Amino acid sequence: MNVQLELDRGFMREAMAEAQKAGNAGEAPVGAVVVLGGEIIARAHNLKESLSDPTAHAELLAIREAAAALGAWRLTGAVLYATLEPCPMCAGAIVQARMERLVYGAHDSKAGAAGTLLDIPRDMRLNHWVSVTGGVLAPECGALLEEFFANRR
């Protein structure tokens, strides 16, 4: 059994719990957690509608919370788990925060910037590179989004 994969799945389930909170609140069901030293230091879910803020993506909110918890903007050694592949804004923030790793669930064919449309975290022209693992619990993460949007139609 791959120990890292099991850890990734466990933390992704925590991000999925955040995504469910978003969906229950009428937000697109995307969740994120930030892990450092094997412990969750931040949790967040989409709040774009609630806050009327186009930047209130789960990833950005989790990064802000993690930075506040540490009292530092550099999140060196941290891993961000997100249920959906980050958009360009969020992928850029992950790089700017100097995170070590990104783990995401569902691929985003419309805005994915961690390997699908763009690959910002691994762009060697930038001053920091982030290791990326995509597709962790992808069917389950994708189902949250599919069900949410099917119910809205």
C-alpha atoms as a PDB file:
ATOM      1  CA  MET A   1       0.000   0.000   0.000  1.00  0.00           C
ATOM      2  CA  ASN A   2       1.331   3.447  -0.950  1.00  0.00           C
ATOM      3  CA  VAL A   3       1.491   5.419   2.314  1.00  0.00           C
ATOM      4  CA  GLN A   4       1.606   8.829   0.587  1.00  0.00           C
ATOM      5  CA  LEU A   5      -1.462   8.018  -1.498  1.00  0.00           C
ATOM      6  CA  GLU A   6      -3.395   7.004   1.625  1.00  0.00           C
ATOM      7  CA  LEU A   7      -2.372  10.237   3.371  1.00  0.00           C
ATOM      8  CA  ASP A   8      -3.393  12.223   0.286  1.00  0.00           C
ATOM      9  CA  ARG A   9      -6.775  10.510   0.192  1.00  0.00           C
ATOM     10  CA  GLY A  10      -7.373  11.243   3.866  1.00  0.00           C
ATOM     11  CA  PHE A  11      -6.602  14.939   3.502  1.00  0.00           C
ATOM     12  CA  MET A  12      -8.618  15.087   0.280  1.00  0.00           C
ATOM     13  CA  ARG A  13     -11.617  13.769   2.207  1.00  0.00           C
ATOM     14  CA  GLU A  14     -11.161  16.707   4.582  1.00  0.00           C
ATOM     15  CA  ALA A  15     -11.171  19.074   1.592  1.00  0.00           C
ATOM     16  CA  MET A  16     -14.311  17.310   0.328  1.00  0.00           C
ATOM     17  CA  ALA A  17     -16.015  18.009   3.671  1.00  0.00           C
ATOM     18  CA  GLU A  18     -15.254  21.697   3.093  1.00  0.00           C
ATOM     19  CA  ALA A  19     -16.617  21.436  -0.456  1.00  0.00           C
ATOM     20  CA  GLN A  20     -19.838  19.971   0.934  1.00  0.00           C
ATOM     21  CA  LYS A  21     -20.173  22.988   3.253  1.00  0.00           C
ATOM     22  CA  ALA A  22     -19.862  25.256   0.234  1.00  0.00           C
ATOM     23  CA  GLY A  23     -22.501  23.324  -1.680  1.00  0.00           C
ATOM     24  CA  ASN A  24     -24.870  23.412   1.284  1.00  0.00           C
ATOM     25  CA  ALA A  25     -24.478  27.196   1.365  1.00  0.00           C
ATOM     26  CA  GLY A  26     -25.263  27.572  -2.346  1.00  0.00           C
ATOM     27  CA  GLU A  27     -21.629  28.030  -3.342  1.00  0.00           C
ATOM     28  CA  ALA A  28     -19.837  25.972  -5.978  1.00  0.00           C
ATOM     29  CA  PRO A  29     -18.673  22.961  -3.946  1.00  0.00           C
ATOM     30  CA  VAL A  30     -14.918  23.417  -3.865  1.00  0.00           C
ATOM     31  CA  GLY A  31     -12.945  22.889  -0.684  1.00  0.00           C
ATOM     32  CA  ALA A  32      -9.332  23.130   0.379  1.00  0.00           C
ATOM     33  CA  VAL A  33      -7.102  22.334   3.323  1.00  0.00           C
ATOM     34  CA  VAL A  34      -3.496  23.271   4.003  1.00  0.00           C
ATOM     35  CA  VAL A  35      -1.314  20.690   5.718  1.00  0.00           C
ATOM     36  CA  LEU A  36       2.041  21.299   7.380  1.00  0.00           C
ATOM     37  CA  GLY A  37       3.955  18.648   9.269  1.00  0.00           C
ATOM     38  CA  GLY A  38       1.119  16.170   8.811  1.00  0.00           C
ATOM     39  CA  GLU A  39      -1.423  18.473  10.496  1.00  0.00           C
ATOM     40  CA  ILE A  40      -4.197  20.568   8.969  1.00  0.00           C
ATOM     41  CA  ILE A  41      -3.431  24.229   9.683  1.00  0.00           C
ATOM     42  CA  ALA A  42      -6.179  25.772   7.536  1.00  0.00           C
ATOM     43  CA  ARG A  43      -9.540  24.849   6.008  1.00  0.00           C
ATOM     44  CA  ALA A  44     -11.738  26.759   3.607  1.00  0.00           C
ATOM     45  CA  HIS A  45     -14.418  26.494   0.958  1.00  0.00           C
ATOM     46  CA  ASN A  46     -15.691  28.739  -1.803  1.00  0.00           C
ATOM     47  CA  LEU A  47     -17.375  31.918  -0.580  1.00  0.00           C
ATOM     48  CA  LYS A  48     -17.607  33.923  -3.813  1.00  0.00           C
ATOM     49  CA  GLU A  49     -21.385  34.290  -3.657  1.00  0.00           C
ATOM     50  CA  SER A  50     -21.599  34.863   0.096  1.00  0.00           C
ATOM     51  CA  LEU A  51     -18.900  37.532   0.118  1.00  0.00           C
ATOM     52  CA  SER A  52     -19.600  38.952  -3.363  1.00  0.00           C
ATOM     53  CA  ASP A  53     -15.869  38.522  -3.894  1.00  0.00           C
ATOM     54  CA  PRO A  54     -14.471  37.032  -7.106  1.00  0.00           C
ATOM     55  CA  THR A  55     -11.252  36.127  -5.274  1.00  0.00           C
ATOM     56  CA  ALA A  56     -12.962  34.135  -2.485  1.00  0.00           C
ATOM     57  CA  HIS A  57     -11.907  30.769  -3.887  1.00  0.00           C
ATOM     58  CA  ALA A  58     -11.339  27.941  -1.425  1.00  0.00           C
ATOM     59  CA  GLU A  59      -7.611  27.808  -2.179  1.00  0.00           C
ATOM     60  CA  LEU A  60      -7.017  31.519  -1.602  1.00  0.00           C
ATOM     61  CA  LEU A  61      -9.017  31.524   1.611  1.00  0.00           C
ATOM     62  CA  ALA A  62      -7.108  28.487   2.896  1.00  0.00           C
ATOM     63  CA  ILE A  63      -3.756  30.067   1.990  1.00  0.00           C
ATOM     64  CA  ARG A  64      -4.730  33.274   3.824  1.00  0.00           C
ATOM     65  CA  GLU A  65      -5.801  31.298   6.889  1.00  0.00           C
ATOM     66  CA  ALA A  66      -2.584  29.252   6.876  1.00  0.00           C
ATOM     67  CA  ALA A  67      -0.427  32.373   6.573  1.00  0.00           C
ATOM     68  CA  ALA A  68      -2.310  33.973   9.458  1.00  0.00           C
ATOM     69  CA  ALA A  69      -1.884  30.833  11.578  1.00  0.00           C
ATOM     70  CA  LEU A  70       1.868  30.839  10.957  1.00  0.00           C
ATOM     71  CA  GLY A  71       2.305  34.596  11.031  1.00  0.00           C
ATOM     72  CA  ALA A  72       4.225  34.395   7.769  1.00  0.00           C
ATOM     73  CA  TRP A  73       3.422  34.550   4.073  1.00  0.00           C
ATOM     74  CA  ARG A  74       5.931  31.854   3.174  1.00  0.00           C
ATOM     75  CA  LEU A  75       4.234  28.482   3.537  1.00  0.00           C
ATOM     76  CA  THR A  76       7.419  26.526   2.925  1.00  0.00           C
ATOM     77  CA  GLY A  77       6.864  22.798   3.351  1.00  0.00           C
ATOM     78  CA  ALA A  78       3.070  23.116   3.227  1.00  0.00           C
ATOM     79  CA  VAL A  79       0.759  21.064   1.030  1.00  0.00           C
ATOM     80  CA  LEU A  80      -2.515  22.409  -0.347  1.00  0.00           C
ATOM     81  CA  TYR A  81      -5.301  19.893  -1.007  1.00  0.00           C
ATOM     82  CA  ALA A  82      -8.090  21.147  -3.271  1.00  0.00           C
ATOM     83  CA  THR A  83     -11.082  19.256  -4.604  1.00  0.00           C
ATOM     84  CA  LEU A  84     -10.792  20.964  -7.999  1.00  0.00           C
ATOM     85  CA  GLU A  85      -7.719  21.779 -10.047  1.00  0.00           C
ATOM     86  CA  PRO A  86      -6.813  25.400  -9.242  1.00  0.00           C
ATOM     87  CA  CYS A  87      -7.510  28.252 -11.648  1.00  0.00           C
ATOM     88  CA  PRO A  88      -4.678  30.577 -12.763  1.00  0.00           C
ATOM     89  CA  MET A  89      -5.283  32.964  -9.841  1.00  0.00           C
ATOM     90  CA  CYS A  90      -5.104  30.189  -7.246  1.00  0.00           C
ATOM     91  CA  ALA A  91      -2.196  28.397  -8.917  1.00  0.00           C
ATOM     92  CA  GLY A  92      -0.290  31.683  -8.880  1.00  0.00           C
ATOM     93  CA  ALA A  93      -1.051  32.156  -5.189  1.00  0.00           C
ATOM     94  CA  ILE A  94       0.225  28.650  -4.436  1.00  0.00           C
ATOM     95  CA  VAL A  95       3.517  29.539  -6.134  1.00  0.00           C
ATOM     96  CA  GLN A  96       3.688  32.937  -4.404  1.00  0.00           C
ATOM     97  CA  ALA A  97       3.152  31.265  -1.015  1.00  0.00           C
ATOM     98  CA  ARG A  98       6.173  29.033  -1.732  1.00  0.00           C
ATOM     99  CA  MET A  99       4.180  25.895  -1.031  1.00  0.00           C
ATOM    100  CA  GLU A 100       5.927  22.570  -1.468  1.00  0.00           C
ATOM    101  CA  ARG A 101       3.120  20.596  -3.010  1.00  0.00           C
ATOM    102  CA  LEU A 102      -0.360  20.793  -4.514  1.00  0.00           C
ATOM    103  CA  VAL A 103      -2.744  17.846  -4.491  1.00  0.00           C
ATOM    104  CA  TYR A 104      -6.048  18.199  -6.293  1.00  0.00           C
ATOM    105  CA  GLY A 105      -9.028  16.005  -7.054  1.00  0.00           C
ATOM    106  CA  ALA A 106     -11.036  16.725 -10.213  1.00  0.00           C
ATOM    107  CA  HIS A 107      -9.382  18.125 -13.327  1.00  0.00           C
ATOM    108  CA  ASP A 108     -10.853  21.411 -14.614  1.00  0.00           C
ATOM    109  CA  SER A 109     -11.117  21.426 -18.398  1.00  0.00           C
ATOM    110  CA  LYS A 110     -12.301  25.059 -18.433  1.00  0.00           C
ATOM    111  CA  ALA A 111      -9.878  26.796 -16.061  1.00  0.00           C
ATOM    112  CA  GLY A 112      -7.349  24.246 -14.778  1.00  0.00           C
ATOM    113  CA  ALA A 113      -3.933  25.828 -14.341  1.00  0.00           C
ATOM    114  CA  ALA A 114      -2.054  22.929 -12.744  1.00  0.00           C
ATOM    115  CA  GLY A 115      -1.600  20.784 -15.825  1.00  0.00           C
ATOM    116  CA  THR A 116      -4.825  20.904 -17.840  1.00  0.00           C
ATOM    117  CA  LEU A 117      -4.854  24.277 -19.651  1.00  0.00           C
ATOM    118  CA  LEU A 118      -1.778  25.799 -18.041  1.00  0.00           C
ATOM    119  CA  ASP A 119       0.844  24.482 -15.657  1.00  0.00           C
ATOM    120  CA  ILE A 120       1.687  27.426 -13.453  1.00  0.00           C
ATOM    121  CA  PRO A 121       2.995  25.467 -10.428  1.00  0.00           C
ATOM    122  CA  ARG A 122       5.629  23.684 -12.542  1.00  0.00           C
ATOM    123  CA  ASP A 123       6.513  26.540 -14.904  1.00  0.00           C
ATOM    124  CA  MET A 124      10.310  26.591 -14.810  1.00  0.00           C
ATOM    125  CA  ARG A 125      10.341  30.267 -15.804  1.00  0.00           C
ATOM    126  CA  LEU A 126       8.997  31.196 -12.361  1.00  0.00           C
ATOM    127  CA  ASN A 127      11.149  31.619  -9.263  1.00  0.00           C
ATOM    128  CA  HIS A 128       9.492  28.761  -7.345  1.00  0.00           C
ATOM    129  CA  TRP A 129       8.128  25.397  -8.449  1.00  0.00           C
ATOM    130  CA  VAL A 130       5.498  23.291  -6.763  1.00  0.00           C
ATOM    131  CA  SER A 131       5.148  19.522  -7.000  1.00  0.00           C
ATOM    132  CA  VAL A 132       1.683  18.572  -8.288  1.00  0.00           C
ATOM    133  CA  THR A 133      -0.372  15.417  -7.818  1.00  0.00           C
ATOM    134  CA  GLY A 134      -3.690  15.494  -9.643  1.00  0.00           C
ATOM    135  CA  GLY A 135      -6.662  13.177  -9.741  1.00  0.00           C
ATOM    136  CA  VAL A 136      -6.760  12.121  -6.073  1.00  0.00           C
ATOM    137  CA  LEU A 137     -10.335  10.938  -5.446  1.00  0.00           C
ATOM    138  CA  ALA A 138     -11.220  12.617  -8.748  1.00  0.00           C
ATOM    139  CA  PRO A 139     -14.517  10.745  -9.301  1.00  0.00           C
ATOM    140  CA  GLU A 140     -15.793  11.674  -5.842  1.00  0.00           C
ATOM    141  CA  CYS A 141     -14.657  15.290  -6.129  1.00  0.00           C
ATOM    142  CA  GLY A 142     -16.156  15.592  -9.601  1.00  0.00           C
ATOM    143  CA  ALA A 143     -19.437  14.088  -8.437  1.00  0.00           C
ATOM    144  CA  LEU A 144     -19.843  16.895  -5.876  1.00  0.00           C
ATOM    145  CA  LEU A 145     -19.639  19.461  -8.668  1.00  0.00           C
ATOM    146  CA  GLU A 146     -21.784  17.504 -11.127  1.00  0.00           C
ATOM    147  CA  GLU A 147     -24.566  16.986  -8.583  1.00  0.00           C
ATOM    148  CA  PHE A 148     -24.491  20.628  -7.499  1.00  0.00           C
ATOM    149  CA  PHE A 149     -24.769  22.002 -11.026  1.00  0.00           C
ATOM    150  CA  ALA A 150     -27.345  19.388 -12.094  1.00  0.00           C
ATOM    151  CA  ASN A 151     -29.583  20.531  -9.233  1.00  0.00           C
ATOM    152  CA  ARG A 152     -29.221  24.178 -10.285  1.00  0.00           C
ATOM    153  CA  ARG A 153     -30.472  23.560 -13.838  1.00  0.00           C
END
